[in-house]
Amino acid sequence: MRQSEIGQNRQQDHPYVGMWVTADGAIRHELLPNGRYDEARGNRQSAYQGRYEVKGDHIDYWDDTGFTADGTFVDRDTLHHGGMILYRRISE
């Protein structure tokens, strides 16, 4: 198995894959199972995209434009990231 496949498998296994949103729905942050993320802001789809890595309850982001960020999952349904609080969106 190649190193990139190992990293992707590790990301698929973490419990935080899925959609995360602010309470007002303005920020929608999707953690994809392949270790990539796609963030929408307001009407702007895919405002930010890049890769991420989860270690325990900590998440690091590397945006495709070059900036980095991080966050903390304070519980299974709450993410603190960049001064924002995002909540897990459960698919219906």
C-alpha atoms as a PDB file:
ATOM      1  CA  MET A   1       0.000   0.000   0.000  1.00  0.00           C
ATOM      2  CA  ARG A   2       1.356   3.437  -0.932  1.00  0.00           C
ATOM      3  CA  GLN A   3       1.913   6.110   1.742  1.00  0.00           C
ATOM      4  CA  SER A   4      -0.860   8.318   0.274  1.00  0.00           C
ATOM      5  CA  GLU A   5      -3.321   5.410   0.539  1.00  0.00           C
ATOM      6  CA  ILE A   6      -2.379   4.864   4.182  1.00  0.00           C
ATOM      7  CA  GLY A   7      -3.091   8.528   4.966  1.00  0.00           C
ATOM      8  CA  GLN A   8      -6.426   8.416   3.166  1.00  0.00           C
ATOM      9  CA  ASN A   9      -7.507   5.272   4.992  1.00  0.00           C
ATOM     10  CA  ARG A  10      -6.600   6.826   8.333  1.00  0.00           C
ATOM     11  CA  GLN A  11      -8.770   9.899   7.563  1.00  0.00           C
ATOM     12  CA  GLN A  12     -11.718   7.755   6.473  1.00  0.00           C
ATOM     13  CA  ASP A  13     -11.713   6.025   9.845  1.00  0.00           C
ATOM     14  CA  HIS A  14     -12.023   9.089  12.078  1.00  0.00           C
ATOM     15  CA  PRO A  15     -15.493   9.940  13.451  1.00  0.00           C
ATOM     16  CA  TYR A  16     -15.542  13.576  12.254  1.00  0.00           C
ATOM     17  CA  VAL A  17     -16.030  13.098   8.496  1.00  0.00           C
ATOM     18  CA  GLY A  18     -19.105  14.970   7.291  1.00  0.00           C
ATOM     19  CA  MET A  19     -20.694  18.408   7.210  1.00  0.00           C
ATOM     20  CA  TRP A  20     -20.107  21.027   9.920  1.00  0.00           C
ATOM     21  CA  VAL A  21     -22.018  24.339  10.017  1.00  0.00           C
ATOM     22  CA  THR A  22     -22.201  27.491  12.113  1.00  0.00           C
ATOM     23  CA  ALA A  23     -25.455  28.045  14.009  1.00  0.00           C
ATOM     24  CA  ASP A  24     -26.597  30.601  11.412  1.00  0.00           C
ATOM     25  CA  GLY A  25     -25.641  28.305   8.510  1.00  0.00           C
ATOM     26  CA  ALA A  26     -23.347  30.944   6.969  1.00  0.00           C
ATOM     27  CA  ILE A  27     -20.252  28.715   7.122  1.00  0.00           C
ATOM     28  CA  ARG A  28     -20.517  25.156   5.846  1.00  0.00           C
ATOM     29  CA  HIS A  29     -17.430  23.067   6.267  1.00  0.00           C
ATOM     30  CA  GLU A  30     -17.351  19.568   4.777  1.00  0.00           C
ATOM     31  CA  LEU A  31     -14.660  17.127   5.876  1.00  0.00           C
ATOM     32  CA  LEU A  32     -14.388  14.599   3.085  1.00  0.00           C
ATOM     33  CA  PRO A  33     -13.309  10.981   3.712  1.00  0.00           C
ATOM     34  CA  ASN A  34     -10.291  11.359   1.407  1.00  0.00           C
ATOM     35  CA  GLY A  35      -8.575  13.883   3.728  1.00  0.00           C
ATOM     36  CA  ARG A  36      -9.773  16.967   1.813  1.00  0.00           C
ATOM     37  CA  TYR A  37     -12.168  19.678   2.948  1.00  0.00           C
ATOM     38  CA  ASP A  38     -14.479  22.071   1.125  1.00  0.00           C
ATOM     39  CA  GLU A  39     -15.734  25.190   2.902  1.00  0.00           C
ATOM     40  CA  ALA A  40     -18.628  27.347   1.707  1.00  0.00           C
ATOM     41  CA  ARG A  41     -19.276  30.858   3.030  1.00  0.00           C
ATOM     42  CA  GLY A  42     -22.668  32.453   2.477  1.00  0.00           C
ATOM     43  CA  ASN A  43     -23.529  32.124  -1.216  1.00  0.00           C
ATOM     44  CA  ARG A  44     -19.922  31.380  -2.128  1.00  0.00           C
ATOM     45  CA  GLN A  45     -19.552  27.634  -2.711  1.00  0.00           C
ATOM     46  CA  SER A  46     -16.065  26.146  -2.334  1.00  0.00           C
ATOM     47  CA  ALA A  47     -14.685  29.393  -0.882  1.00  0.00           C
ATOM     48  CA  TYR A  48     -11.801  27.421   0.623  1.00  0.00           C
ATOM     49  CA  GLN A  49     -10.495  23.971  -0.204  1.00  0.00           C
ATOM     50  CA  GLY A  50      -7.520  21.975   0.942  1.00  0.00           C
ATOM     51  CA  ARG A  51      -6.417  19.007   2.952  1.00  0.00           C
ATOM     52  CA  TYR A  52      -6.789  18.209   6.624  1.00  0.00           C
ATOM     53  CA  GLU A  53      -5.496  15.767   9.174  1.00  0.00           C
ATOM     54  CA  VAL A  54      -7.159  14.697  12.425  1.00  0.00           C
ATOM     55  CA  LYS A  55      -5.097  13.513  15.380  1.00  0.00           C
ATOM     56  CA  GLY A  56      -7.287  12.663  18.341  1.00  0.00           C
ATOM     57  CA  ASP A  57      -9.553  15.689  18.811  1.00  0.00           C
ATOM     58  CA  HIS A  58      -7.236  18.130  17.000  1.00  0.00           C
ATOM     59  CA  ILE A  59      -7.546  19.037  13.315  1.00  0.00           C
ATOM     60  CA  ASP A  60      -4.948  20.759  11.131  1.00  0.00           C
ATOM     61  CA  TYR A  61      -5.819  22.346   7.781  1.00  0.00           C
ATOM     62  CA  TRP A  62      -3.617  23.197   4.799  1.00  0.00           C
ATOM     63  CA  ASP A  63      -5.536  25.359   2.345  1.00  0.00           C
ATOM     64  CA  ASP A  64      -4.729  25.054  -1.357  1.00  0.00           C
ATOM     65  CA  THR A  65      -3.810  28.778  -1.400  1.00  0.00           C
ATOM     66  CA  GLY A  66      -1.105  28.232   1.222  1.00  0.00           C
ATOM     67  CA  PHE A  67      -2.510  29.251   4.591  1.00  0.00           C
ATOM     68  CA  THR A  68      -2.862  26.918   7.547  1.00  0.00           C
ATOM     69  CA  ALA A  69      -5.372  26.679  10.367  1.00  0.00           C
ATOM     70  CA  ASP A  70      -6.367  24.309  13.114  1.00  0.00           C
ATOM     71  CA  GLY A  71      -9.246  23.461  15.394  1.00  0.00           C
ATOM     72  CA  THR A  72     -10.453  21.297  18.231  1.00  0.00           C
ATOM     73  CA  PHE A  73     -13.403  18.946  18.422  1.00  0.00           C
ATOM     74  CA  VAL A  74     -14.705  19.717  21.907  1.00  0.00           C
ATOM     75  CA  ASP A  75     -17.168  16.854  21.663  1.00  0.00           C
ATOM     76  CA  ARG A  76     -18.462  14.544  18.950  1.00  0.00           C
ATOM     77  CA  ASP A  77     -20.789  17.228  17.525  1.00  0.00           C
ATOM     78  CA  THR A  78     -18.933  20.530  18.146  1.00  0.00           C
ATOM     79  CA  LEU A  79     -15.858  21.931  16.372  1.00  0.00           C
ATOM     80  CA  HIS A  80     -14.040  25.098  17.436  1.00  0.00           C
ATOM     81  CA  HIS A  81     -12.172  26.439  14.395  1.00  0.00           C
ATOM     82  CA  GLY A  82     -10.811  29.894  13.574  1.00  0.00           C
ATOM     83  CA  GLY A  83     -12.854  31.679  16.238  1.00  0.00           C
ATOM     84  CA  MET A  84     -16.033  29.951  15.064  1.00  0.00           C
ATOM     85  CA  ILE A  85     -18.150  27.201  16.546  1.00  0.00           C
ATOM     86  CA  LEU A  86     -19.395  24.665  14.036  1.00  0.00           C
ATOM     87  CA  TYR A  87     -21.902  21.912  14.693  1.00  0.00           C
ATOM     88  CA  ARG A  88     -22.249  18.546  13.003  1.00  0.00           C
ATOM     89  CA  ARG A  89     -25.048  18.507  10.450  1.00  0.00           C
ATOM     90  CA  ILE A  90     -26.833  15.188  10.529  1.00  0.00           C
ATOM     91  CA  SER A  91     -28.011  14.014   7.095  1.00  0.00           C
ATOM     92  CA  GLU A  92     -31.674  13.296   6.919  1.00  0.00           C
END
